[in-house]
Amino acid sequence: MEPPAEAPDPPGSDALVAAGDLLRALAAPVRIAIVLQLRTSPRCVHELVDALAVTQPLISQHLRVLKAAGVVRGDRRGREVVYRLVDDHLAHIVVDAVAHVEEES
């Protein structure tokens, strides 16, 4: 039997704090739903409103939180802002979390 692999050095406290902030930004059901929508394609606010059946002010509020956390970015196209995920890592976290919960039930 082989000895266990050496554990990697733990991340620094700044990285742990930043990871906690990121997870808190994802901790609302509407924000999780937004990330799931954006993982397939970029969307503007009215498309998210239609897809999620919530009000425009609520979608905008949640997008501000996700943008501040570095989860999404918005690109202006004429009068609309099209939102997209900054990268796919966060979509994987959300998809895995949802899959885990669905397996548990």
C-alpha atoms as a PDB file:
ATOM      1  CA  MET A   1       0.000   0.000   0.000  1.00  0.00           C
ATOM      2  CA  GLU A   2       1.318   3.421  -0.955  1.00  0.00           C
ATOM      3  CA  PRO A   3       1.594   6.169   1.641  1.00  0.00           C
ATOM      4  CA  PRO A   4      -1.008   8.933   1.335  1.00  0.00           C
ATOM      5  CA  ALA A   5      -0.067  11.824  -0.934  1.00  0.00           C
ATOM      6  CA  GLU A   6       1.218  14.893   0.816  1.00  0.00           C
ATOM      7  CA  ALA A   7      -1.517  17.484   1.277  1.00  0.00           C
ATOM      8  CA  PRO A   8      -0.949  20.735  -0.607  1.00  0.00           C
ATOM      9  CA  ASP A   9      -0.214  23.860   1.353  1.00  0.00           C
ATOM     10  CA  PRO A  10      -3.448  25.538   2.430  1.00  0.00           C
ATOM     11  CA  PRO A  11      -4.324  28.782   0.625  1.00  0.00           C
ATOM     12  CA  GLY A  12      -3.571  32.051   2.336  1.00  0.00           C
ATOM     13  CA  SER A  13      -6.178  33.816   4.418  1.00  0.00           C
ATOM     14  CA  ASP A  14      -6.763  36.449   1.702  1.00  0.00           C
ATOM     15  CA  ALA A  15      -7.664  33.721  -0.786  1.00  0.00           C
ATOM     16  CA  LEU A  16      -9.991  32.074   1.727  1.00  0.00           C
ATOM     17  CA  VAL A  17     -11.747  35.376   2.441  1.00  0.00           C
ATOM     18  CA  ALA A  18     -12.131  36.056  -1.301  1.00  0.00           C
ATOM     19  CA  ALA A  19     -13.509  32.543  -1.870  1.00  0.00           C
ATOM     20  CA  GLY A  20     -16.000  33.076   0.955  1.00  0.00           C
ATOM     21  CA  ASP A  21     -17.101  36.378  -0.582  1.00  0.00           C
ATOM     22  CA  LEU A  22     -17.556  34.668  -3.938  1.00  0.00           C
ATOM     23  CA  LEU A  23     -19.631  31.854  -2.463  1.00  0.00           C
ATOM     24  CA  ARG A  24     -21.793  34.382  -0.603  1.00  0.00           C
ATOM     25  CA  ALA A  25     -22.427  36.160  -3.920  1.00  0.00           C
ATOM     26  CA  LEU A  26     -23.724  32.867  -5.303  1.00  0.00           C
ATOM     27  CA  ALA A  27     -25.820  32.085  -2.232  1.00  0.00           C
ATOM     28  CA  ALA A  28     -29.199  33.353  -3.486  1.00  0.00           C
ATOM     29  CA  PRO A  29     -31.540  31.166  -5.541  1.00  0.00           C
ATOM     30  CA  VAL A  30     -32.103  33.894  -8.150  1.00  0.00           C
ATOM     31  CA  ARG A  31     -28.348  34.390  -8.573  1.00  0.00           C
ATOM     32  CA  ILE A  32     -27.877  30.640  -8.995  1.00  0.00           C
ATOM     33  CA  ALA A  33     -30.610  30.673 -11.651  1.00  0.00           C
ATOM     34  CA  ILE A  34     -28.925  33.612 -13.411  1.00  0.00           C
ATOM     35  CA  VAL A  35     -25.597  31.751 -13.528  1.00  0.00           C
ATOM     36  CA  LEU A  36     -27.356  28.677 -14.919  1.00  0.00           C
ATOM     37  CA  GLN A  37     -28.966  30.816 -17.628  1.00  0.00           C
ATOM     38  CA  LEU A  38     -25.708  32.549 -18.542  1.00  0.00           C
ATOM     39  CA  ARG A  39     -23.728  29.331 -18.786  1.00  0.00           C
ATOM     40  CA  THR A  40     -25.507  28.500 -22.048  1.00  0.00           C
ATOM     41  CA  SER A  41     -25.265  31.952 -23.645  1.00  0.00           C
ATOM     42  CA  PRO A  42     -24.955  35.660 -22.831  1.00  0.00           C
ATOM     43  CA  ARG A  43     -28.274  37.350 -22.095  1.00  0.00           C
ATOM     44  CA  CYS A  44     -29.674  40.805 -21.564  1.00  0.00           C
ATOM     45  CA  VAL A  45     -31.838  41.719 -18.596  1.00  0.00           C
ATOM     46  CA  HIS A  46     -35.193  41.316 -20.345  1.00  0.00           C
ATOM     47  CA  GLU A  47     -34.232  37.785 -21.448  1.00  0.00           C
ATOM     48  CA  LEU A  48     -33.399  36.876 -17.848  1.00  0.00           C
ATOM     49  CA  VAL A  49     -36.674  38.426 -16.664  1.00  0.00           C
ATOM     50  CA  ASP A  50     -38.609  36.292 -19.149  1.00  0.00           C
ATOM     51  CA  ALA A  51     -36.661  33.098 -18.439  1.00  0.00           C
ATOM     52  CA  LEU A  52     -36.827  33.373 -14.646  1.00  0.00           C
ATOM     53  CA  ALA A  53     -40.246  35.029 -14.268  1.00  0.00           C
ATOM     54  CA  VAL A  54     -39.010  37.663 -11.812  1.00  0.00           C
ATOM     55  CA  THR A  55     -39.127  41.440 -12.015  1.00  0.00           C
ATOM     56  CA  GLN A  56     -36.588  43.544 -13.865  1.00  0.00           C
ATOM     57  CA  PRO A  57     -35.510  45.451 -10.721  1.00  0.00           C
ATOM     58  CA  LEU A  58     -34.842  42.158  -8.923  1.00  0.00           C
ATOM     59  CA  ILE A  59     -32.782  40.783 -11.827  1.00  0.00           C
ATOM     60  CA  SER A  60     -30.820  44.046 -12.006  1.00  0.00           C
ATOM     61  CA  GLN A  61     -30.142  43.973  -8.260  1.00  0.00           C
ATOM     62  CA  HIS A  62     -28.829  40.404  -8.423  1.00  0.00           C
ATOM     63  CA  LEU A  63     -26.726  41.176 -11.496  1.00  0.00           C
ATOM     64  CA  ARG A  64     -25.096  44.048  -9.575  1.00  0.00           C
ATOM     65  CA  VAL A  65     -24.103  41.616  -6.813  1.00  0.00           C
ATOM     66  CA  LEU A  66     -22.747  39.096  -9.317  1.00  0.00           C
ATOM     67  CA  LYS A  67     -20.877  41.826 -11.193  1.00  0.00           C
ATOM     68  CA  ALA A  68     -19.328  43.207  -8.002  1.00  0.00           C
ATOM     69  CA  ALA A  69     -18.166  39.697  -7.107  1.00  0.00           C
ATOM     70  CA  GLY A  70     -16.558  39.244 -10.524  1.00  0.00           C
ATOM     71  CA  VAL A  71     -18.957  36.492 -11.587  1.00  0.00           C
ATOM     72  CA  VAL A  72     -20.483  38.312 -14.566  1.00  0.00           C
ATOM     73  CA  ARG A  73     -19.604  41.206 -16.792  1.00  0.00           C
ATOM     74  CA  GLY A  74     -21.840  43.380 -18.899  1.00  0.00           C
ATOM     75  CA  ASP A  75     -21.128  44.551 -22.434  1.00  0.00           C
ATOM     76  CA  ARG A  76     -23.202  47.406 -23.798  1.00  0.00           C
ATOM     77  CA  ARG A  77     -24.829  46.799 -27.179  1.00  0.00           C
ATOM     78  CA  GLY A  78     -26.802  49.860 -28.143  1.00  0.00           C
ATOM     79  CA  ARG A  79     -29.442  50.434 -25.465  1.00  0.00           C
ATOM     80  CA  GLU A  80     -29.002  46.995 -23.888  1.00  0.00           C
ATOM     81  CA  VAL A  81     -26.348  45.457 -21.695  1.00  0.00           C
ATOM     82  CA  VAL A  82     -25.574  41.835 -22.459  1.00  0.00           C
ATOM     83  CA  TYR A  83     -24.350  39.860 -19.453  1.00  0.00           C
ATOM     84  CA  ARG A  84     -22.011  36.894 -19.627  1.00  0.00           C
ATOM     85  CA  LEU A  85     -20.085  34.784 -17.144  1.00  0.00           C
ATOM     86  CA  VAL A  86     -16.513  35.883 -16.573  1.00  0.00           C
ATOM     87  CA  ASP A  87     -15.394  32.244 -16.839  1.00  0.00           C
ATOM     88  CA  ASP A  88     -16.776  28.728 -16.723  1.00  0.00           C
ATOM     89  CA  HIS A  89     -15.348  27.797 -13.311  1.00  0.00           C
ATOM     90  CA  LEU A  90     -18.255  29.348 -11.470  1.00  0.00           C
ATOM     91  CA  ALA A  91     -20.825  27.696 -13.690  1.00  0.00           C
ATOM     92  CA  HIS A  92     -19.262  24.337 -12.825  1.00  0.00           C
ATOM     93  CA  ILE A  93     -19.514  25.115  -9.107  1.00  0.00           C
ATOM     94  CA  VAL A  94     -23.206  26.006  -9.451  1.00  0.00           C
ATOM     95  CA  VAL A  95     -24.028  23.024 -11.681  1.00  0.00           C
ATOM     96  CA  ASP A  96     -22.222  20.660  -9.286  1.00  0.00           C
ATOM     97  CA  ALA A  97     -24.020  22.146  -6.264  1.00  0.00           C
ATOM     98  CA  VAL A  98     -27.424  21.737  -7.920  1.00  0.00           C
ATOM     99  CA  ALA A  99     -26.585  18.184  -9.024  1.00  0.00           C
ATOM    100  CA  HIS A 100     -25.456  17.319  -5.494  1.00  0.00           C
ATOM    101  CA  VAL A 101     -28.698  18.571  -3.978  1.00  0.00           C
ATOM    102  CA  GLU A 102     -30.786  16.745  -6.559  1.00  0.00           C
ATOM    103  CA  GLU A 103     -28.928  13.498  -5.774  1.00  0.00           C
ATOM    104  CA  GLU A 104     -29.648  13.956  -2.072  1.00  0.00           C
ATOM    105  CA  SER A 105     -33.403  14.295  -2.580  1.00  0.00           C
END
